[in-house]
Amino acid sequence: MGDRRSATPPRPPRLVLWWEALEAWRQLAISFPIFAAFMFVINLGAFSQPLLRSIFYGLFEGGVLSGLLAVAAATERGRRH
């Protein structure tokens, strides 16, 4: 016959389970500074935006990305439970 796979999906890594177990505000508090700094550097360097515009874009885009990450984590946690 063919290759039969079990009906249960593989267990996610411990880091993913830890992240999903955090409350949403903690996920935002951890991810926002990282995303904001990353987007600031991208806007300043790769996109050659002026400094103040890069700061604004970094804060704005960091907030959007943090929110998306928190929603995705909640969705995956809900899907698994």
PDB file of N, CA and C in Angstrom:
ATOM      1  N   MET A   1       0.842  -1.176   0.000  1.00  0.00           N
ATOM      2  CA  MET A   1       0.000   0.000   0.000  1.00  0.00           C
ATOM      3  C   MET A   1       0.883   1.234   0.000  1.00  0.00           C
ATOM      4  N   GLY A   2       0.325   2.350   0.337  1.00  0.00           N
ATOM      5  CA  GLY A   2       1.076   3.595   0.313  1.00  0.00           C
ATOM      6  C   GLY A   2       1.559   3.978   1.699  1.00  0.00           C
ATOM      7  N   ASP A   3       2.185   5.096   1.747  1.00  0.00           N
ATOM      8  CA  ASP A   3       2.682   5.636   3.005  1.00  0.00           C
ATOM      9  C   ASP A   3       1.516   6.251   3.770  1.00  0.00           C
ATOM     10  N   ARG A   4       1.189   5.652   4.892  1.00  0.00           N
ATOM     11  CA  ARG A   4       0.091   6.186   5.710  1.00  0.00           C
ATOM     12  C   ARG A   4       0.664   7.048   6.821  1.00  0.00           C
ATOM     13  N   ARG A   5       0.108   8.205   6.938  1.00  0.00           N
ATOM     14  CA  ARG A   5       0.536   9.117   7.994  1.00  0.00           C
ATOM     15  C   ARG A   5      -0.535   9.152   9.067  1.00  0.00           C
ATOM     16  N   SER A   6      -0.119   9.385  10.288  1.00  0.00           N
ATOM     17  CA  SER A   6      -1.100   9.428  11.372  1.00  0.00           C
ATOM     18  C   SER A   6      -1.968  10.672  11.227  1.00  0.00           C
ATOM     19  N   ALA A   7      -3.130  10.630  11.814  1.00  0.00           N
ATOM     20  CA  ALA A   7      -4.076  11.740  11.720  1.00  0.00           C
ATOM     21  C   ALA A   7      -3.660  12.913  12.598  1.00  0.00           C
ATOM     22  N   THR A   8      -2.772  12.689  13.559  1.00  0.00           N
ATOM     23  CA  THR A   8      -2.353  13.782  14.433  1.00  0.00           C
ATOM     24  C   THR A   8      -1.148  14.484  13.829  1.00  0.00           C
ATOM     25  N   PRO A   9      -1.218  15.815  13.774  1.00  0.00           N
ATOM     26  CA  PRO A   9      -0.067  16.554  13.241  1.00  0.00           C
ATOM     27  C   PRO A   9       1.106  16.500  14.215  1.00  0.00           C
ATOM     28  N   PRO A  10       2.310  16.730  13.737  1.00  0.00           N
ATOM     29  CA  PRO A  10       3.468  16.705  14.644  1.00  0.00           C
ATOM     30  C   PRO A  10       3.370  17.831  15.675  1.00  0.00           C
ATOM     31  N   ARG A  11       3.929  17.576  16.841  1.00  0.00           N
ATOM     32  CA  ARG A  11       3.903  18.568  17.914  1.00  0.00           C
ATOM     33  C   ARG A  11       4.822  19.732  17.546  1.00  0.00           C
ATOM     34  N   PRO A  12       4.343  20.976  17.713  1.00  0.00           N
ATOM     35  CA  PRO A  12       5.190  22.128  17.392  1.00  0.00           C
ATOM     36  C   PRO A  12       6.370  22.239  18.355  1.00  0.00           C
ATOM     37  N   PRO A  13       7.398  22.959  17.971  1.00  0.00           N
ATOM     38  CA  PRO A  13       8.552  23.150  18.866  1.00  0.00           C
ATOM     39  C   PRO A  13       8.139  23.823  20.180  1.00  0.00           C
ATOM     40  N   ARG A  14       8.927  23.598  21.214  1.00  0.00           N
ATOM     41  CA  ARG A  14       8.625  24.159  22.538  1.00  0.00           C
ATOM     42  C   ARG A  14       8.572  25.680  22.516  1.00  0.00           C
ATOM     43  N   LEU A  15       9.423  26.305  21.711  1.00  0.00           N
ATOM     44  CA  LEU A  15       9.425  27.764  21.626  1.00  0.00           C
ATOM     45  C   LEU A  15       8.085  28.278  21.105  1.00  0.00           C
ATOM     46  N   VAL A  16       7.518  27.606  20.123  1.00  0.00           N
ATOM     47  CA  VAL A  16       6.215  27.998  19.577  1.00  0.00           C
ATOM     48  C   VAL A  16       5.131  27.828  20.641  1.00  0.00           C
ATOM     49  N   LEU A  17       5.159  26.722  21.356  1.00  0.00           N
ATOM     50  CA  LEU A  17       4.170  26.502  22.409  1.00  0.00           C
ATOM     51  C   LEU A  17       4.309  27.534  23.522  1.00  0.00           C
ATOM     52  N   TRP A  18       5.533  27.893  23.869  1.00  0.00           N
ATOM     53  CA  TRP A  18       5.759  28.924  24.884  1.00  0.00           C
ATOM     54  C   TRP A  18       5.193  30.259  24.408  1.00  0.00           C
ATOM     55  N   TRP A  19       5.476  30.612  23.152  1.00  0.00           N
ATOM     56  CA  TRP A  19       5.008  31.885  22.602  1.00  0.00           C
ATOM     57  C   TRP A  19       3.479  31.940  22.599  1.00  0.00           C
ATOM     58  N   GLU A  20       2.844  30.873  22.182  1.00  0.00           N
ATOM     59  CA  GLU A  20       1.390  30.834  22.123  1.00  0.00           C
ATOM     60  C   GLU A  20       0.760  30.861  23.509  1.00  0.00           C
ATOM     61  N   ALA A  21       1.476  30.392  24.520  1.00  0.00           N
ATOM     62  CA  ALA A  21       0.945  30.383  25.880  1.00  0.00           C
ATOM     63  C   ALA A  21       0.987  31.770  26.523  1.00  0.00           C
ATOM     64  N   LEU A  22       1.795  32.675  25.981  1.00  0.00           N
ATOM     65  CA  LEU A  22       1.871  34.026  26.535  1.00  0.00           C
ATOM     66  C   LEU A  22       0.576  34.781  26.276  1.00  0.00           C
ATOM     67  N   GLU A  23       0.246  35.702  27.169  1.00  0.00           N
ATOM     68  CA  GLU A  23      -0.903  36.570  26.947  1.00  0.00           C
ATOM     69  C   GLU A  23      -0.586  37.525  25.798  1.00  0.00           C
ATOM     70  N   ALA A  24      -1.619  38.034  25.154  1.00  0.00           N
ATOM     71  CA  ALA A  24      -1.428  38.886  23.973  1.00  0.00           C
ATOM     72  C   ALA A  24      -0.604  40.125  24.297  1.00  0.00           C
ATOM     73  N   TRP A  25      -0.829  40.750  25.443  1.00  0.00           N
ATOM     74  CA  TRP A  25      -0.085  41.968  25.758  1.00  0.00           C
ATOM     75  C   TRP A  25       1.399  41.670  25.951  1.00  0.00           C
ATOM     76  N   ARG A  26       1.716  40.482  26.446  1.00  0.00           N
ATOM     77  CA  ARG A  26       3.127  40.119  26.598  1.00  0.00           C
ATOM     78  C   ARG A  26       3.772  39.861  25.236  1.00  0.00           C
ATOM     79  N   GLN A  27       3.027  39.223  24.344  1.00  0.00           N
ATOM     80  CA  GLN A  27       3.535  39.019  22.991  1.00  0.00           C
ATOM     81  C   GLN A  27       3.816  40.365  22.326  1.00  0.00           C
ATOM     82  N   LEU A  28       2.899  41.320  22.504  1.00  0.00           N
ATOM     83  CA  LEU A  28       3.089  42.645  21.920  1.00  0.00           C
ATOM     84  C   LEU A  28       4.277  43.364  22.557  1.00  0.00           C
ATOM     85  N   ALA A  29       4.414  43.241  23.874  1.00  0.00           N
ATOM     86  CA  ALA A  29       5.519  43.907  24.572  1.00  0.00           C
ATOM     87  C   ALA A  29       6.874  43.352  24.151  1.00  0.00           C
ATOM     88  N   ILE A  30       6.916  42.084  23.810  1.00  0.00           N
ATOM     89  CA  ILE A  30       8.178  41.472  23.378  1.00  0.00           C
ATOM     90  C   ILE A  30       8.448  41.764  21.910  1.00  0.00           C
ATOM     91  N   SER A  31       7.441  41.619  21.068  1.00  0.00           N
ATOM     92  CA  SER A  31       7.666  41.708  19.621  1.00  0.00           C
ATOM     93  C   SER A  31       7.728  43.136  19.091  1.00  0.00           C
ATOM     94  N   PHE A  32       7.004  44.081  19.716  1.00  0.00           N
ATOM     95  CA  PHE A  32       6.986  45.439  19.176  1.00  0.00           C
ATOM     96  C   PHE A  32       8.360  46.090  19.096  1.00  0.00           C
ATOM     97  N   PRO A  33       9.161  46.095  20.170  1.00  0.00           N
ATOM     98  CA  PRO A  33      10.481  46.742  20.048  1.00  0.00           C
ATOM     99  C   PRO A  33      11.369  46.095  18.978  1.00  0.00           C
ATOM    100  N   ILE A  34      11.265  44.794  18.851  1.00  0.00           N
ATOM    101  CA  ILE A  34      12.086  44.093  17.853  1.00  0.00           C
ATOM    102  C   ILE A  34      11.652  44.484  16.450  1.00  0.00           C
ATOM    103  N   PHE A  35      10.337  44.409  16.185  1.00  0.00           N
ATOM    104  CA  PHE A  35       9.830  44.776  14.864  1.00  0.00           C
ATOM    105  C   PHE A  35      10.060  46.254  14.563  1.00  0.00           C
ATOM    106  N   ALA A  36       9.857  47.125  15.552  1.00  0.00           N
ATOM    107  CA  ALA A  36      10.036  48.560  15.331  1.00  0.00           C
ATOM    108  C   ALA A  36      11.491  48.872  14.969  1.00  0.00           C
ATOM    109  N   ALA A  37      12.424  48.288  15.683  1.00  0.00           N
ATOM    110  CA  ALA A  37      13.837  48.516  15.388  1.00  0.00           C
ATOM    111  C   ALA A  37      14.212  47.948  14.018  1.00  0.00           C
ATOM    112  N   PHE A  38      13.720  46.766  13.715  1.00  0.00           N
ATOM    113  CA  PHE A  38      14.010  46.143  12.423  1.00  0.00           C
ATOM    114  C   PHE A  38      13.465  46.986  11.272  1.00  0.00           C
ATOM    115  N   MET A  39      12.223  47.447  11.413  1.00  0.00           N
ATOM    116  CA  MET A  39      11.627  48.239  10.344  1.00  0.00           C
ATOM    117  C   MET A  39      12.277  49.615  10.235  1.00  0.00           C
ATOM    118  N   PHE A  40      12.724  50.183  11.349  1.00  0.00           N
ATOM    119  CA  PHE A  40      13.464  51.434  11.310  1.00  0.00           C
ATOM    120  C   PHE A  40      14.727  51.281  10.471  1.00  0.00           C
ATOM    121  N   VAL A  41      15.477  50.214  10.734  1.00  0.00           N
ATOM    122  CA  VAL A  41      16.724  49.977   9.999  1.00  0.00           C
ATOM    123  C   VAL A  41      16.434  49.738   8.516  1.00  0.00           C
ATOM    124  N   ILE A  42      15.395  48.977   8.212  1.00  0.00           N
ATOM    125  CA  ILE A  42      15.034  48.716   6.814  1.00  0.00           C
ATOM    126  C   ILE A  42      14.678  50.020   6.104  1.00  0.00           C
ATOM    127  N   ASN A  43      13.853  50.852   6.755  1.00  0.00           N
ATOM    128  CA  ASN A  43      13.440  52.108   6.126  1.00  0.00           C
ATOM    129  C   ASN A  43      14.594  53.081   5.973  1.00  0.00           C
ATOM    130  N   LEU A  44      15.462  53.125   6.943  1.00  0.00           N
ATOM    131  CA  LEU A  44      16.596  54.041   6.884  1.00  0.00           C
ATOM    132  C   LEU A  44      17.634  53.578   5.866  1.00  0.00           C
ATOM    133  N   GLY A  45      17.963  52.291   5.878  1.00  0.00           N
ATOM    134  CA  GLY A  45      19.013  51.780   5.015  1.00  0.00           C
ATOM    135  C   GLY A  45      18.542  51.395   3.637  1.00  0.00           C
ATOM    136  N   ALA A  46      17.705  50.386   3.558  1.00  0.00           N
ATOM    137  CA  ALA A  46      17.314  49.840   2.258  1.00  0.00           C
ATOM    138  C   ALA A  46      16.436  50.800   1.456  1.00  0.00           C
ATOM    139  N   PHE A  47      15.538  51.531   2.133  1.00  0.00           N
ATOM    140  CA  PHE A  47      14.626  52.421   1.419  1.00  0.00           C
ATOM    141  C   PHE A  47      15.098  53.869   1.408  1.00  0.00           C
ATOM    142  N   SER A  48      16.203  54.164   2.075  1.00  0.00           N
ATOM    143  CA  SER A  48      16.813  55.504   2.103  1.00  0.00           C
ATOM    144  C   SER A  48      15.833  56.598   2.513  1.00  0.00           C
ATOM    145  N   GLN A  49      15.025  56.319   3.511  1.00  0.00           N
ATOM    146  CA  GLN A  49      14.089  57.330   4.010  1.00  0.00           C
ATOM    147  C   GLN A  49      14.832  58.255   4.976  1.00  0.00           C
ATOM    148  N   PRO A  50      14.382  59.512   5.100  1.00  0.00           N
ATOM    149  CA  PRO A  50      14.978  60.408   6.089  1.00  0.00           C
ATOM    150  C   PRO A  50      14.796  59.858   7.510  1.00  0.00           C
ATOM    151  N   LEU A  51      15.607  60.344   8.429  1.00  0.00           N
ATOM    152  CA  LEU A  51      15.633  59.809   9.794  1.00  0.00           C
ATOM    153  C   LEU A  51      14.269  59.870  10.480  1.00  0.00           C
ATOM    154  N   LEU A  52      13.626  61.038  10.502  1.00  0.00           N
ATOM    155  CA  LEU A  52      12.344  61.152  11.202  1.00  0.00           C
ATOM    156  C   LEU A  52      11.268  60.300  10.551  1.00  0.00           C
ATOM    157  N   ARG A  53      11.261  60.233   9.244  1.00  0.00           N
ATOM    158  CA  ARG A  53      10.291  59.384   8.556  1.00  0.00           C
ATOM    159  C   ARG A  53      10.569  57.911   8.857  1.00  0.00           C
ATOM    160  N   SER A  54      11.832  57.534   8.926  1.00  0.00           N
ATOM    161  CA  SER A  54      12.185  56.157   9.262  1.00  0.00           C
ATOM    162  C   SER A  54      11.733  55.797  10.668  1.00  0.00           C
ATOM    163  N   ILE A  55      11.861  56.742  11.600  1.00  0.00           N
ATOM    164  CA  ILE A  55      11.395  56.500  12.972  1.00  0.00           C
ATOM    165  C   ILE A  55       9.886  56.288  12.976  1.00  0.00           C
ATOM    166  N   PHE A  56       9.155  57.188  12.309  1.00  0.00           N
ATOM    167  CA  PHE A  56       7.698  57.052  12.255  1.00  0.00           C
ATOM    168  C   PHE A  56       7.295  55.736  11.601  1.00  0.00           C
ATOM    169  N   TYR A  57       7.867  55.440  10.439  1.00  0.00           N
ATOM    170  CA  TYR A  57       7.535  54.199   9.749  1.00  0.00           C
ATOM    171  C   TYR A  57       7.887  52.979  10.597  1.00  0.00           C
ATOM    172  N   GLY A  58       9.029  53.029  11.270  1.00  0.00           N
ATOM    173  CA  GLY A  58       9.424  51.913  12.123  1.00  0.00           C
ATOM    174  C   GLY A  58       8.421  51.659  13.226  1.00  0.00           C
ATOM    175  N   LEU A  59       7.956  52.733  13.869  1.00  0.00           N
ATOM    176  CA  LEU A  59       6.963  52.584  14.938  1.00  0.00           C
ATOM    177  C   LEU A  59       5.634  52.085  14.383  1.00  0.00           C
ATOM    178  N   PHE A  60       5.198  52.675  13.288  1.00  0.00           N
ATOM    179  CA  PHE A  60       3.919  52.286  12.703  1.00  0.00           C
ATOM    180  C   PHE A  60       3.944  50.842  12.202  1.00  0.00           C
ATOM    181  N   GLU A  61       4.934  50.527  11.390  1.00  0.00           N
ATOM    182  CA  GLU A  61       5.017  49.176  10.822  1.00  0.00           C
ATOM    183  C   GLU A  61       5.312  48.137  11.902  1.00  0.00           C
ATOM    184  N   GLY A  62       6.095  48.509  12.916  1.00  0.00           N
ATOM    185  CA  GLY A  62       6.352  47.602  14.034  1.00  0.00           C
ATOM    186  C   GLY A  62       5.074  47.255  14.769  1.00  0.00           C
ATOM    187  N   GLY A  63       4.195  48.246  14.945  1.00  0.00           N
ATOM    188  CA  GLY A  63       2.909  47.988  15.593  1.00  0.00           C
ATOM    189  C   GLY A  63       2.018  47.073  14.770  1.00  0.00           C
ATOM    190  N   VAL A  64       1.998  47.309  13.460  1.00  0.00           N
ATOM    191  CA  VAL A  64       1.191  46.465  12.580  1.00  0.00           C
ATOM    192  C   VAL A  64       1.701  45.027  12.593  1.00  0.00           C
ATOM    193  N   LEU A  65       3.003  44.844  12.463  1.00  0.00           N
ATOM    194  CA  LEU A  65       3.570  43.497  12.453  1.00  0.00           C
ATOM    195  C   LEU A  65       3.378  42.787  13.792  1.00  0.00           C
ATOM    196  N   SER A  66       3.513  43.511  14.889  1.00  0.00           N
ATOM    197  CA  SER A  66       3.292  42.916  16.209  1.00  0.00           C
ATOM    198  C   SER A  66       1.846  42.469  16.363  1.00  0.00           C
ATOM    199  N   GLY A  67       0.930  43.298  15.904  1.00  0.00           N
ATOM    200  CA  GLY A  67      -0.480  42.931  15.962  1.00  0.00           C
ATOM    201  C   GLY A  67      -0.786  41.708  15.129  1.00  0.00           C
ATOM    202  N   LEU A  68      -0.221  41.656  13.931  1.00  0.00           N
ATOM    203  CA  LEU A  68      -0.429  40.490  13.074  1.00  0.00           C
ATOM    204  C   LEU A  68       0.136  39.222  13.709  1.00  0.00           C
ATOM    205  N   LEU A  69       1.291  39.339  14.339  1.00  0.00           N
ATOM    206  CA  LEU A  69       1.892  38.178  14.997  1.00  0.00           C
ATOM    207  C   LEU A  69       1.018  37.702  16.158  1.00  0.00           C
ATOM    208  N   ALA A  70       0.471  38.629  16.934  1.00  0.00           N
ATOM    209  CA  ALA A  70      -0.385  38.251  18.055  1.00  0.00           C
ATOM    210  C   ALA A  70      -1.666  37.574  17.566  1.00  0.00           C
ATOM    211  N   VAL A  71      -2.239  38.082  16.481  1.00  0.00           N
ATOM    212  CA  VAL A  71      -3.448  37.469  15.921  1.00  0.00           C
ATOM    213  C   VAL A  71      -3.135  36.078  15.378  1.00  0.00           C
ATOM    214  N   ALA A  72      -2.009  35.942  14.686  1.00  0.00           N
ATOM    215  CA  ALA A  72      -1.634  34.633  14.146  1.00  0.00           C
ATOM    216  C   ALA A  72      -1.388  33.620  15.258  1.00  0.00           C
ATOM    217  N   ALA A  73      -0.747  34.048  16.337  1.00  0.00           N
ATOM    218  CA  ALA A  73      -0.496  33.132  17.457  1.00  0.00           C
ATOM    219  C   ALA A  73      -1.804  32.692  18.100  1.00  0.00           C
ATOM    220  N   ALA A  74      -2.739  33.631  18.274  1.00  0.00           N
ATOM    221  CA  ALA A  74      -4.030  33.276  18.870  1.00  0.00           C
ATOM    222  C   ALA A  74      -4.812  32.340  17.954  1.00  0.00           C
ATOM    223  N   THR A  75      -4.734  32.566  16.659  1.00  0.00           N
ATOM    224  CA  THR A  75      -5.433  31.719  15.704  1.00  0.00           C
ATOM    225  C   THR A  75      -4.874  30.302  15.728  1.00  0.00           C
ATOM    226  N   GLU A  76      -3.563  30.168  15.723  1.00  0.00           N
ATOM    227  CA  GLU A  76      -2.946  28.839  15.761  1.00  0.00           C
ATOM    228  C   GLU A  76      -3.222  28.129  17.080  1.00  0.00           C
ATOM    229  N   ARG A  77      -3.168  28.867  18.179  1.00  0.00           N
ATOM    230  CA  ARG A  77      -3.479  28.270  19.481  1.00  0.00           C
ATOM    231  C   ARG A  77      -4.911  27.759  19.490  1.00  0.00           C
ATOM    232  N   GLY A  78      -5.844  28.541  18.960  1.00  0.00           N
ATOM    233  CA  GLY A  78      -7.236  28.122  18.907  1.00  0.00           C
ATOM    234  C   GLY A  78      -7.452  26.935  17.980  1.00  0.00           C
ATOM    235  N   ARG A  79      -6.725  26.887  16.898  1.00  0.00           N
ATOM    236  CA  ARG A  79      -6.857  25.789  15.948  1.00  0.00           C
ATOM    237  C   ARG A  79      -6.385  24.468  16.553  1.00  0.00           C
ATOM    238  N   ARG A  80      -5.358  24.544  17.380  1.00  0.00           N
ATOM    239  CA  ARG A  80      -4.813  23.324  17.986  1.00  0.00           C
ATOM    240  C   ARG A  80      -5.641  22.809  19.156  1.00  0.00           C
ATOM    241  N   HIS A  81      -6.367  23.690  19.807  1.00  0.00           N
ATOM    242  CA  HIS A  81      -7.126  23.272  20.997  1.00  0.00           C
ATOM    243  C   HIS A  81      -8.561  23.028  20.703  1.00  0.00           C
TER     244      HIS A  81
END
